[in-house]
C-alpha atoms as a PDB file:
ATOM      1  CA  MET A   1      64.411  36.435  66.929  1.00  0.00           C
ATOM      2  CA  THR A   2      61.828  36.050  69.699  1.00  0.00           C
ATOM      3  CA  ASP A   3      59.083  34.164  67.792  1.00  0.00           C
ATOM      4  CA  THR A   4      59.805  30.554  68.776  1.00  0.00           C
ATOM      5  CA  PRO A   5      57.963  28.777  65.882  1.00  0.00           C
ATOM      6  CA  ALA A   6      59.586  31.071  63.295  1.00  0.00           C
ATOM      7  CA  ARG A   7      62.980  30.597  64.944  1.00  0.00           C
ATOM      8  CA  LEU A   8      62.594  26.797  64.900  1.00  0.00           C
ATOM      9  CA  LEU A   9      61.718  26.854  61.200  1.00  0.00           C
ATOM     10  CA  THR A  10      64.739  29.045  60.429  1.00  0.00           C
ATOM     11  CA  LEU A  11      66.979  26.793  62.508  1.00  0.00           C
ATOM     12  CA  LEU A  12      65.652  23.711  60.702  1.00  0.00           C
ATOM     13  CA  SER A  13      66.248  25.366  57.336  1.00  0.00           C
ATOM     14  CA  LEU A  14      69.872  26.043  58.271  1.00  0.00           C
ATOM     15  CA  LEU A  15      70.431  22.500  59.510  1.00  0.00           C
ATOM     16  CA  GLN A  16      69.091  21.066  56.252  1.00  0.00           C
ATOM     17  CA  THR A  17      72.101  22.432  54.360  1.00  0.00           C
ATOM     18  CA  PRO A  18      74.863  19.782  54.081  1.00  0.00           C
ATOM     19  CA  ARG A  19      77.312  21.142  56.645  1.00  0.00           C
ATOM     20  CA  GLU A  20      78.016  21.207  60.379  1.00  0.00           C
ATOM     21  CA  TRP A  21      76.953  24.368  62.226  1.00  0.00           C
ATOM     22  CA  PRO A  22      78.815  25.554  65.330  1.00  0.00           C
ATOM     23  CA  GLY A  23      76.402  26.559  68.085  1.00  0.00           C
ATOM     24  CA  SER A  24      77.950  30.036  68.270  1.00  0.00           C
ATOM     25  CA  GLU A  25      77.295  30.627  64.548  1.00  0.00           C
ATOM     26  CA  LEU A  26      73.681  29.486  64.862  1.00  0.00           C
ATOM     27  CA  ALA A  27      73.204  31.779  67.853  1.00  0.00           C
ATOM     28  CA  GLU A  28      74.640  34.714  65.914  1.00  0.00           C
ATOM     29  CA  ARG A  29      72.465  33.987  62.867  1.00  0.00           C
ATOM     30  CA  LEU A  30      69.275  33.752  64.930  1.00  0.00           C
ATOM     31  CA  GLU A  31      70.279  36.553  67.334  1.00  0.00           C
ATOM     32  CA  VAL A  32      69.761  34.431  70.447  1.00  0.00           C
ATOM     33  CA  SER A  33      71.961  32.917  73.133  1.00  0.00           C
ATOM     34  CA  ALA A  34      73.821  29.591  72.863  1.00  0.00           C
ATOM     35  CA  ARG A  35      71.530  28.296  75.625  1.00  0.00           C
ATOM     36  CA  THR A  36      68.446  29.085  73.490  1.00  0.00           C
ATOM     37  CA  ILE A  37      70.016  27.209  70.566  1.00  0.00           C
ATOM     38  CA  ARG A  38      70.496  24.141  72.775  1.00  0.00           C
ATOM     39  CA  ARG A  39      66.839  24.303  73.871  1.00  0.00           C
ATOM     40  CA  ASP A  40      65.673  24.684  70.243  1.00  0.00           C
ATOM     41  CA  ILE A  41      67.784  21.695  69.190  1.00  0.00           C
ATOM     42  CA  ASP A  42      66.095  19.646  71.931  1.00  0.00           C
ATOM     43  CA  ARG A  43      62.663  20.746  70.624  1.00  0.00           C
ATOM     44  CA  LEU A  44      63.570  19.644  67.102  1.00  0.00           C
ATOM     45  CA  ARG A  45      64.664  16.259  68.427  1.00  0.00           C
ATOM     46  CA  GLU A  46      61.331  15.912  70.275  1.00  0.00           C
ATOM     47  CA  LEU A  47      59.595  16.564  66.934  1.00  0.00           C
ATOM     48  CA  GLY A  48      61.525  13.694  65.349  1.00  0.00           C
ATOM     49  CA  TYR A  49      64.335  15.552  63.629  1.00  0.00           C
ATOM     50  CA  PRO A  50      67.615  13.620  64.126  1.00  0.00           C
ATOM     51  CA  VAL A  51      70.039  16.416  65.032  1.00  0.00           C
ATOM     52  CA  GLU A  52      73.526  15.169  65.877  1.00  0.00           C
ATOM     53  CA  ALA A  53      75.931  17.126  68.067  1.00  0.00           C
ATOM     54  CA  THR A  54      79.732  16.753  68.038  1.00  0.00           C
ATOM     55  CA  ARG A  55      82.081  18.051  70.714  1.00  0.00           C
ATOM     56  CA  GLY A  56      85.396  19.866  70.417  1.00  0.00           C
ATOM     57  CA  ALA A  57      86.659  23.045  68.816  1.00  0.00           C
ATOM     58  CA  ALA A  58      85.414  21.934  65.388  1.00  0.00           C
ATOM     59  CA  GLY A  59      82.180  20.503  66.752  1.00  0.00           C
ATOM     60  CA  GLY A  60      78.644  21.612  66.098  1.00  0.00           C
ATOM     61  CA  TYR A  61      75.189  20.479  64.979  1.00  0.00           C
ATOM     62  CA  ARG A  62      74.034  18.781  61.821  1.00  0.00           C
ATOM     63  CA  LEU A  63      70.931  16.981  60.611  1.00  0.00           C
ATOM     64  CA  VAL A  64      71.560  13.275  60.000  1.00  0.00           C
ATOM     65  CA  ALA A  65      69.571  10.436  58.485  1.00  0.00           C
ATOM     66  CA  GLY A  66      66.770   9.169  60.697  1.00  0.00           C
ATOM     67  CA  THR A  67      64.132   6.444  60.495  1.00  0.00           C
ATOM     68  CA  ALA A  68      61.799   8.555  58.347  1.00  0.00           C
ATOM     69  CA  MET A  69      62.033  11.377  55.855  1.00  0.00           C
ATOM     70  CA  PRO A  70      61.402  14.658  57.719  1.00  0.00           C
ATOM     71  CA  PRO A  71      59.588  17.587  56.063  1.00  0.00           C
ATOM     72  CA  LEU A  72      61.972  19.727  54.007  1.00  0.00           C
ATOM     73  CA  LEU A  73      62.026  23.504  53.916  1.00  0.00           C
ATOM     74  CA  LEU A  74      62.632  24.835  50.404  1.00  0.00           C
ATOM     75  CA  ASP A  75      63.009  28.356  49.101  1.00  0.00           C
ATOM     76  CA  ASP A  76      61.174  29.409  45.927  1.00  0.00           C
ATOM     77  CA  GLU A  77      63.980  28.568  43.494  1.00  0.00           C
ATOM     78  CA  GLU A  78      64.621  25.174  45.125  1.00  0.00           C
ATOM     79  CA  ALA A  79      60.926  24.255  44.941  1.00  0.00           C
ATOM     80  CA  VAL A  80      60.703  25.181  41.234  1.00  0.00           C
ATOM     81  CA  ALA A  81      63.943  23.334  40.464  1.00  0.00           C
ATOM     82  CA  ILE A  82      62.720  20.162  42.164  1.00  0.00           C
ATOM     83  CA  ALA A  83      59.319  20.290  40.468  1.00  0.00           C
ATOM     84  CA  VAL A  84      60.874  20.743  37.019  1.00  0.00           C
ATOM     85  CA  GLY A  85      63.424  18.027  37.780  1.00  0.00           C
ATOM     86  CA  LEU A  86      60.668  15.599  38.773  1.00  0.00           C
ATOM     87  CA  ARG A  87      58.790  16.283  35.529  1.00  0.00           C
ATOM     88  CA  THR A  88      61.963  15.579  33.561  1.00  0.00           C
ATOM     89  CA  ALA A  89      62.871  12.488  35.582  1.00  0.00           C
ATOM     90  CA  ALA A  90      59.531  10.893  34.793  1.00  0.00           C
ATOM     91  CA  ALA A  91      60.758  10.233  31.232  1.00  0.00           C
ATOM     92  CA  GLN A  92      64.287   9.062  32.000  1.00  0.00           C
ATOM     93  CA  THR A  93      65.990   5.662  31.993  1.00  0.00           C
ATOM     94  CA  VAL A  94      66.159   4.940  35.721  1.00  0.00           C
ATOM     95  CA  GLU A  95      63.963   1.972  36.564  1.00  0.00           C
ATOM     96  CA  GLY A  96      60.903   2.925  38.615  1.00  0.00           C
ATOM     97  CA  ILE A  97      61.849   6.602  38.730  1.00  0.00           C
ATOM     98  CA  GLY A  98      58.953   7.698  36.530  1.00  0.00           C
ATOM     99  CA  GLU A  99      56.192   6.512  38.873  1.00  0.00           C
ATOM    100  CA  ALA A 100      58.053   7.750  41.954  1.00  0.00           C
ATOM    101  CA  SER A 101      58.604  11.142  40.294  1.00  0.00           C
ATOM    102  CA  VAL A 102      54.902  11.502  39.515  1.00  0.00           C
ATOM    103  CA  ARG A 103      53.951  10.697  43.136  1.00  0.00           C
ATOM    104  CA  ALA A 104      56.499  13.146  44.527  1.00  0.00           C
ATOM    105  CA  LEU A 105      55.456  15.839  42.051  1.00  0.00           C
ATOM    106  CA  ALA A 106      51.799  15.464  43.056  1.00  0.00           C
ATOM    107  CA  LYS A 107      52.720  15.998  46.719  1.00  0.00           C
ATOM    108  CA  LEU A 108      54.885  18.999  45.934  1.00  0.00           C
ATOM    109  CA  GLU A 109      52.400  20.744  43.630  1.00  0.00           C
ATOM    110  CA  GLN A 110      49.658  20.321  46.255  1.00  0.00           C
ATOM    111  CA  VAL A 111      51.501  22.650  48.641  1.00  0.00           C
ATOM    112  CA  LEU A 112      53.167  25.021  46.157  1.00  0.00           C
ATOM    113  CA  PRO A 113      52.057  28.654  46.461  1.00  0.00           C
ATOM    114  CA  SER A 114      50.052  29.803  43.451  1.00  0.00           C
ATOM    115  CA  ARG A 115      52.889  31.987  42.134  1.00  0.00           C
ATOM    116  CA  LEU A 116      55.246  28.985  42.057  1.00  0.00           C
ATOM    117  CA  ARG A 117      52.593  26.620  40.705  1.00  0.00           C
ATOM    118  CA  TYR A 118      52.160  29.013  37.777  1.00  0.00           C
ATOM    119  CA  ARG A 119      55.925  29.036  37.079  1.00  0.00           C
ATOM    120  CA  VAL A 120      56.159  25.255  37.181  1.00  0.00           C
ATOM    121  CA  GLY A 121      53.085  24.871  34.989  1.00  0.00           C
ATOM    122  CA  ALA A 122      54.409  27.374  32.447  1.00  0.00           C
ATOM    123  CA  LEU A 123      57.709  25.533  32.217  1.00  0.00           C
ATOM    124  CA  GLY A 124      55.929  22.202  31.893  1.00  0.00           C
ATOM    125  CA  ASN A 125      53.613  23.426  29.130  1.00  0.00           C
ATOM    126  CA  ALA A 126      56.470  25.011  27.199  1.00  0.00           C
ATOM    127  CA  THR A 127      58.822  22.014  27.197  1.00  0.00           C
ATOM    128  CA  VAL A 128      58.718  18.479  25.871  1.00  0.00           C
ATOM    129  CA  THR A 129      60.987  15.742  27.222  1.00  0.00           C
ATOM    130  CA  VAL A 130      62.074  13.061  24.782  1.00  0.00           C
ATOM    131  CA  PRO A 131      62.256   9.681  26.562  1.00  0.00           C
ATOM    132  CA  GLY A 132      65.804   8.417  26.853  1.00  0.00           C
ATOM    133  CA  GLY A 133      65.070   5.107  25.165  1.00  0.00           C
ATOM    134  CA  GLY A 134      68.130   3.436  26.646  1.00  0.00           C
ATOM    135  CA  PRO A 135      68.370   0.472  29.015  1.00  0.00           C
ATOM    136  CA  VAL A 136      66.944   1.084  32.479  1.00  0.00           C
ATOM    137  CA  VAL A 137      69.150   1.423  35.548  1.00  0.00           C
ATOM    138  CA  ASP A 138      68.377   0.342  39.108  1.00  0.00           C
ATOM    139  CA  PRO A 139      68.227   3.596  41.150  1.00  0.00           C
ATOM    140  CA  ALA A 140      69.481   1.735  44.238  1.00  0.00           C
ATOM    141  CA  GLN A 141      72.751   1.075  42.412  1.00  0.00           C
ATOM    142  CA  LEU A 142      73.089   4.754  41.535  1.00  0.00           C
ATOM    143  CA  THR A 143      72.572   5.815  45.144  1.00  0.00           C
ATOM    144  CA  VAL A 144      75.267   3.364  46.317  1.00  0.00           C
ATOM    145  CA  PHE A 145      77.767   4.973  43.957  1.00  0.00           C
ATOM    146  CA  ALA A 146      76.630   8.520  44.703  1.00  0.00           C
ATOM    147  CA  ALA A 147      77.181   7.977  48.438  1.00  0.00           C
ATOM    148  CA  ALA A 148      80.525   6.286  47.819  1.00  0.00           C
ATOM    149  CA  ILE A 149      81.684   9.206  45.666  1.00  0.00           C
ATOM    150  CA  THR A 150      80.787  11.655  48.434  1.00  0.00           C
ATOM    151  CA  ASN A 151      82.415   9.535  51.158  1.00  0.00           C
ATOM    152  CA  HIS A 152      85.492   8.463  49.093  1.00  0.00           C
ATOM    153  CA  GLU A 153      84.538   4.851  49.712  1.00  0.00           C
ATOM    154  CA  THR A 154      85.373   1.733  47.674  1.00  0.00           C
ATOM    155  CA  VAL A 155      82.593  -0.328  46.074  1.00  0.00           C
ATOM    156  CA  ARG A 156      82.453  -3.957  44.931  1.00  0.00           C
ATOM    157  CA  PHE A 157      80.118  -5.132  42.170  1.00  0.00           C
ATOM    158  CA  ARG A 158      79.561  -7.666  39.401  1.00  0.00           C
ATOM    159  CA  TYR A 159      79.984  -6.370  35.865  1.00  0.00           C
ATOM    160  CA  ARG A 160      78.789  -7.864  32.563  1.00  0.00           C
ATOM    161  CA  ALA A 161      80.897  -6.728  29.615  1.00  0.00           C
ATOM    162  CA  GLY A 162      79.675  -6.263  26.043  1.00  0.00           C
ATOM    163  CA  ASP A 163      80.652  -9.853  25.175  1.00  0.00           C
ATOM    164  CA  ARG A 164      78.493 -11.010  28.155  1.00  0.00           C
ATOM    165  CA  THR A 165      81.468 -12.161  30.250  1.00  0.00           C
ATOM    166  CA  GLU A 166      81.111 -11.345  33.963  1.00  0.00           C
ATOM    167  CA  SER A 167      83.757 -10.202  36.401  1.00  0.00           C
ATOM    168  CA  ARG A 168      84.027  -8.959  39.967  1.00  0.00           C
ATOM    169  CA  ARG A 169      85.320  -5.425  40.394  1.00  0.00           C
ATOM    170  CA  LEU A 170      86.685  -3.445  43.321  1.00  0.00           C
ATOM    171  CA  THR A 171      86.583   0.251  42.456  1.00  0.00           C
ATOM    172  CA  GLU A 172      86.995   3.756  43.768  1.00  0.00           C
ATOM    173  CA  PRO A 173      83.986   5.565  42.230  1.00  0.00           C
ATOM    174  CA  HIS A 174      84.647   9.099  41.012  1.00  0.00           C
ATOM    175  CA  ARG A 175      81.662  10.300  38.935  1.00  0.00           C
ATOM    176  CA  LEU A 176      78.308   9.221  37.512  1.00  0.00           C
ATOM    177  CA  VAL A 177      77.824  10.508  33.959  1.00  0.00           C
ATOM    178  CA  ALA A 178      74.361  10.599  32.337  1.00  0.00           C
ATOM    179  CA  THR A 179      74.439  10.874  28.541  1.00  0.00           C
ATOM    180  CA  GLY A 180      70.637  10.979  28.067  1.00  0.00           C
ATOM    181  CA  ARG A 181      70.301   7.378  26.871  1.00  0.00           C
ATOM    182  CA  ARG A 182      72.669   5.697  29.318  1.00  0.00           C
ATOM    183  CA  TRP A 183      74.344   6.152  32.700  1.00  0.00           C
ATOM    184  CA  TYR A 184      78.074   5.528  33.106  1.00  0.00           C
ATOM    185  CA  LEU A 185      80.252   5.121  36.191  1.00  0.00           C
ATOM    186  CA  VAL A 186      83.791   6.502  36.046  1.00  0.00           C
ATOM    187  CA  ALA A 187      85.914   4.736  38.647  1.00  0.00           C
ATOM    188  CA  TYR A 188      89.452   3.680  39.423  1.00  0.00           C
ATOM    189  CA  ASP A 189      89.682  -0.119  39.111  1.00  0.00           C
ATOM    190  CA  VAL A 190      91.806  -1.223  42.069  1.00  0.00           C
ATOM    191  CA  ASP A 191      92.742  -4.653  40.666  1.00  0.00           C
ATOM    192  CA  ARG A 192      93.567  -3.363  37.157  1.00  0.00           C
ATOM    193  CA  LYS A 193      95.249  -0.239  38.520  1.00  0.00           C
ATOM    194  CA  ASP A 194      93.658   2.034  35.929  1.00  0.00           C
ATOM    195  CA  TRP A 195      90.632   4.249  35.314  1.00  0.00           C
ATOM    196  CA  ARG A 196      87.626   2.505  33.800  1.00  0.00           C
ATOM    197  CA  THR A 197      84.184   3.442  32.461  1.00  0.00           C
ATOM    198  CA  PHE A 198      81.306   1.089  33.335  1.00  0.00           C
ATOM    199  CA  ARG A 199      77.790   1.094  31.899  1.00  0.00           C
ATOM    200  CA  ALA A 200      75.510   1.388  34.918  1.00  0.00           C
ATOM    201  CA  ASP A 201      72.845  -0.941  33.460  1.00  0.00           C
ATOM    202  CA  ARG A 202      75.444  -3.747  33.364  1.00  0.00           C
ATOM    203  CA  ILE A 203      76.335  -3.394  37.050  1.00  0.00           C
ATOM    204  CA  ARG A 204      74.853  -5.782  39.600  1.00  0.00           C
ATOM    205  CA  ASP A 205      75.108  -6.236  43.388  1.00  0.00           C
ATOM    206  CA  ALA A 206      76.978  -2.987  44.097  1.00  0.00           C
ATOM    207  CA  VAL A 207      77.992  -2.867  47.762  1.00  0.00           C
ATOM    208  CA  ALA A 208      80.016  -0.195  49.543  1.00  0.00           C
ATOM    209  CA  THR A 209      82.883  -1.832  51.446  1.00  0.00           C
ATOM    210  CA  GLY A 210      83.201   0.774  54.169  1.00  0.00           C
ATOM    211  CA  GLY A 211      86.853   1.277  53.258  1.00  0.00           C
ATOM    212  CA  ARG A 212      87.795   4.934  52.855  1.00  0.00           C
ATOM    213  CA  VAL A 213      90.452   6.049  50.363  1.00  0.00           C
ATOM    214  CA  PRO A 214      92.007   9.448  49.661  1.00  0.00           C
ATOM    215  CA  PRO A 215      90.671  11.140  46.512  1.00  0.00           C
ATOM    216  CA  ARG A 216      92.647  10.334  43.353  1.00  0.00           C
ATOM    217  CA  GLN A 217      93.584  12.815  40.672  1.00  0.00           C
ATOM    218  CA  PRO A 218      90.901  12.238  37.988  1.00  0.00           C
ATOM    219  CA  PRO A 219      91.965  11.417  34.416  1.00  0.00           C
ATOM    220  CA  ALA A 220      90.377  14.647  33.112  1.00  0.00           C
ATOM    221  CA  GLU A 221      88.675  17.800  34.365  1.00  0.00           C
ATOM    222  CA  ASP A 222      85.629  17.345  32.112  1.00  0.00           C
ATOM    223  CA  MET A 223      84.466  13.806  32.900  1.00  0.00           C
ATOM    224  CA  ALA A 224      81.531  13.951  30.456  1.00  0.00           C
ATOM    225  CA  ALA A 225      83.888  14.749  27.559  1.00  0.00           C
ATOM    226  CA  TRP A 226      86.281  12.030  28.769  1.00  0.00           C
ATOM    227  CA  VAL A 227      83.505   9.410  28.746  1.00  0.00           C
ATOM    228  CA  ILE A 228      82.346  10.396  25.263  1.00  0.00           C
ATOM    229  CA  GLU A 229      85.917  10.277  23.954  1.00  0.00           C
ATOM    230  CA  ARG A 230      86.428   6.782  25.354  1.00  0.00           C
ATOM    231  CA  MET A 231      83.123   5.614  23.872  1.00  0.00           C
ATOM    232  CA  TYR A 232      84.234   6.742  20.417  1.00  0.00           C
ATOM    233  CA  ARG A 233      87.681   5.230  20.921  1.00  0.00           C
ATOM    234  CA  LEU A 234      86.110   1.779  21.302  1.00  0.00           C
ATOM    235  CA  LEU A 235      84.476   2.041  17.844  1.00  0.00           C
ATOM    236  CA  PRO A 236      86.413   1.874  14.557  1.00  0.00           C
ATOM    237  CA  SER A 237      86.480   5.206  12.716  1.00  0.00           C
ATOM    238  CA  TYR A 238      87.171   6.097   9.095  1.00  0.00           C
ATOM    239  CA  ARG A 239      87.888   9.000   6.761  1.00  0.00           C
ATOM    240  CA  ALA A 240      85.664   9.167   3.704  1.00  0.00           C
ATOM    241  CA  THR A 241      85.914  10.701   0.254  1.00  0.00           C
ATOM    242  CA  ILE A 242      82.528  11.499  -1.328  1.00  0.00           C
ATOM    243  CA  THR A 243      81.245  13.349  -4.380  1.00  0.00           C
ATOM    244  CA  LEU A 244      78.049  15.301  -3.665  1.00  0.00           C
ATOM    245  CA  ALA A 245      75.536  16.527  -6.243  1.00  0.00           C
ATOM    246  CA  LEU A 246      75.557  19.957  -4.622  1.00  0.00           C
ATOM    247  CA  PRO A 247      77.283  23.253  -5.375  1.00  0.00           C
ATOM    248  CA  VAL A 248      80.284  23.699  -3.102  1.00  0.00           C
ATOM    249  CA  ASP A 249      78.832  26.649  -1.127  1.00  0.00           C
ATOM    250  CA  GLU A 250      75.587  24.813  -0.431  1.00  0.00           C
ATOM    251  CA  ALA A 251      77.473  21.669   0.613  1.00  0.00           C
ATOM    252  CA  ARG A 252      79.618  23.640   3.044  1.00  0.00           C
ATOM    253  CA  ALA A 253      76.523  25.278   4.519  1.00  0.00           C
ATOM    254  CA  ARG A 254      74.745  21.945   5.020  1.00  0.00           C
ATOM    255  CA  LEU A 255      77.732  19.991   6.346  1.00  0.00           C
ATOM    256  CA  GLY A 256      79.353  22.632   8.512  1.00  0.00           C
ATOM    257  CA  PRO A 257      83.115  23.050   8.969  1.00  0.00           C
ATOM    258  CA  GLN A 258      83.436  20.076  11.352  1.00  0.00           C
ATOM    259  CA  PHE A 259      82.601  17.455   8.720  1.00  0.00           C
ATOM    260  CA  GLY A 260      85.718  17.946   6.608  1.00  0.00           C
ATOM    261  CA  ASP A 261      87.212  19.719   3.593  1.00  0.00           C
ATOM    262  CA  VAL A 262      84.946  20.538   0.636  1.00  0.00           C
ATOM    263  CA  GLU A 263      86.298  21.419  -2.819  1.00  0.00           C
ATOM    264  CA  PRO A 264      84.421  22.154  -6.064  1.00  0.00           C
ATOM    265  CA  VAL A 265      84.285  19.662  -8.946  1.00  0.00           C
ATOM    266  CA  ASP A 266      82.080  21.779 -11.203  1.00  0.00           C
ATOM    267  CA  GLU A 267      79.211  24.233 -10.758  1.00  0.00           C
ATOM    268  CA  ARG A 268      76.779  21.551  -9.556  1.00  0.00           C
ATOM    269  CA  SER A 269      78.985  19.093  -7.628  1.00  0.00           C
ATOM    270  CA  CYS A 270      81.814  18.975  -5.120  1.00  0.00           C
ATOM    271  CA  ARG A 271      84.257  16.554  -3.482  1.00  0.00           C
ATOM    272  CA  VAL A 272      84.293  16.057   0.307  1.00  0.00           C
ATOM    273  CA  HIS A 273      87.187  14.672   2.378  1.00  0.00           C
ATOM    274  CA  SER A 274      85.647  13.928   5.768  1.00  0.00           C
ATOM    275  CA  THR A 275      87.194  13.973   9.201  1.00  0.00           C
ATOM    276  CA  GLU A 276      87.496  10.642  11.006  1.00  0.00           C
ATOM    277  CA  ASP A 277      84.233   9.244  12.368  1.00  0.00           C
ATOM    278  CA  THR A 278      82.170   6.076  12.722  1.00  0.00           C
ATOM    279  CA  LEU A 279      80.383   4.410   9.808  1.00  0.00           C
ATOM    280  CA  ASP A 280      76.975   5.023  11.391  1.00  0.00           C
ATOM    281  CA  TRP A 281      77.601   8.753  11.778  1.00  0.00           C
ATOM    282  CA  LEU A 282      79.064   9.188   8.294  1.00  0.00           C
ATOM    283  CA  ALA A 283      76.098   7.346   6.749  1.00  0.00           C
ATOM    284  CA  PHE A 284      73.629   9.366   8.828  1.00  0.00           C
ATOM    285  CA  ARG A 285      75.102  12.706   7.734  1.00  0.00           C
ATOM    286  CA  LEU A 286      75.204  11.721   4.063  1.00  0.00           C
ATOM    287  CA  LEU A 287      71.673  10.322   3.945  1.00  0.00           C
ATOM    288  CA  ASN A 288      70.302  13.423   5.618  1.00  0.00           C
ATOM    289  CA  LEU A 289      71.802  15.813   3.055  1.00  0.00           C
ATOM    290  CA  GLY A 290      68.868  15.204   0.709  1.00  0.00           C
ATOM    291  CA  CYS A 291      71.003  14.953  -2.429  1.00  0.00           C
ATOM    292  CA  ALA A 292      72.631  12.301  -4.611  1.00  0.00           C
ATOM    293  CA  PHE A 293      76.169  11.292  -3.653  1.00  0.00           C
ATOM    294  CA  THR A 294      78.880   8.774  -4.541  1.00  0.00           C
ATOM    295  CA  VAL A 295      81.241   7.274  -1.953  1.00  0.00           C
ATOM    296  CA  HIS A 296      84.751   6.624  -3.270  1.00  0.00           C
ATOM    297  CA  GLU A 297      86.299   5.387  -0.038  1.00  0.00           C
ATOM    298  CA  PRO A 298      86.518   3.700   2.380  1.00  0.00           C
ATOM    299  CA  PRO A 299      85.116   0.367   1.146  1.00  0.00           C
ATOM    300  CA  GLU A 300      83.664  -0.253   4.624  1.00  0.00           C
ATOM    301  CA  LEU A 301      81.349   2.759   4.219  1.00  0.00           C
ATOM    302  CA  ILE A 302      80.236   1.540   0.793  1.00  0.00           C
ATOM    303  CA  THR A 303      79.374  -1.871   2.253  1.00  0.00           C
ATOM    304  CA  HIS A 304      77.603  -0.252   5.213  1.00  0.00           C
ATOM    305  CA  LEU A 305      75.429   1.881   2.921  1.00  0.00           C
ATOM    306  CA  ARG A 306      74.575  -1.165   0.782  1.00  0.00           C
ATOM    307  CA  ASP A 307      73.450  -2.999   3.938  1.00  0.00           C
ATOM    308  CA  LEU A 308      71.312  -0.018   4.955  1.00  0.00           C
ATOM    309  CA  ALA A 309      69.777   0.149   1.480  1.00  0.00           C
ATOM    310  CA  ALA A 310      68.937  -3.561   1.549  1.00  0.00           C
ATOM    311  CA  ARG A 311      67.308  -3.262   4.967  1.00  0.00           C
ATOM    312  CA  ALA A 312      65.319  -0.217   3.859  1.00  0.00           C
ATOM    313  CA  ALA A 313      64.162  -1.984   0.690  1.00  0.00           C
ATOM    314  CA  GLY A 314      63.136  -5.044   2.692  1.00  0.00           C
ATOM    315  CA  ALA A 315      61.034  -2.877   5.000  1.00  0.00           C
ATOM    316  CA  VAL A 316      58.869  -1.611   2.128  1.00  0.00           C
ATOM    317  CA  PRO A 317      56.122  -4.049   1.028  1.00  0.00           C
ATOM    318  CA  ALA A 318      55.836  -4.838  -2.646  1.00  0.00           C
ATOM    319  CA  PRO A 319      52.982  -2.951  -4.411  1.00  0.00           C
ATOM    320  CA  PRO A 320      49.786  -4.941  -5.096  1.00  0.00           C
ATOM    321  CA  ALA A 321      49.455  -6.573  -8.514  1.00  0.00           C
ATOM    322  CA  GLY A 322      48.596  -4.037 -11.183  1.00  0.00           C
ATOM    323  CA  GLU A 323      49.987  -1.075  -9.235  1.00  0.00           C
ATOM    324  CA  THR A 324      53.155   0.702 -10.205  1.00  0.00           C
ATOM    325  CA  ALA A 325      55.693   1.413  -7.469  1.00  0.00           C
ATOM    326  CA  VAL A 326      56.350   5.123  -6.986  1.00  0.00           C
END
């Protein structure tokens, strides 16, 4: 490749991938000599790109963090992915991320080729993002944990539990899990010698210690499923028996096989024996069936539904004098 500007751009694009490039491999990729690669690296440094070189058989070149953010070279798919991600991030629960996402998106769309701007616009017009609605998280805390996970580094922080008690934790972060409404940190708690799940919005003063540790075997392969399972395990769950004013086939169609066993009582009603779940979820599913029902057990679900009914009745104003309530 004899065109120096084009070669420099290609070299910069290669260096922006997260790996170390041996000089011989760069020379082979760009079809130039190792000496030309060294000269091109010096030119990039003169332009402000912090390229680090390491010696030895396993040595090479890599782009490291500098004092300022250098321009990034993106291919078409990367540019579209970032633009769509920025649109989505603007509605999420990371504090300050919405405004920053809008600013970054404006800069990106200004330089997008028309063909890519059309793709991003089409995706944006065709989708709607529901705001997370959960507590906001400091993005600086997330970046501390993300870096620690990559570097296998321990992190100290203050944590406020659900009962508002605070504690100091020394952890080995493993994964950040976003559920849509909340962010969770999965980490090995060094002092308690066990895996723990922490709500990210309850974490304060997270600081990487600089201490490196070998990676631990995680408690599960699917960390998102593991977090959800632990969340449910912390809540009491119940099995319910309910009579529905629905024919058995219609009840099975509305509930789905996961809700439990459904058996006929007569042509217009059926009996349901639910699987184990929380009171909130059981009440939600029953109220959304759109039919009359009677709960036989557990008594906790009966009490929960009575509380919901009282709150719903209290939210409806009494009709003016002389009017009949509908």
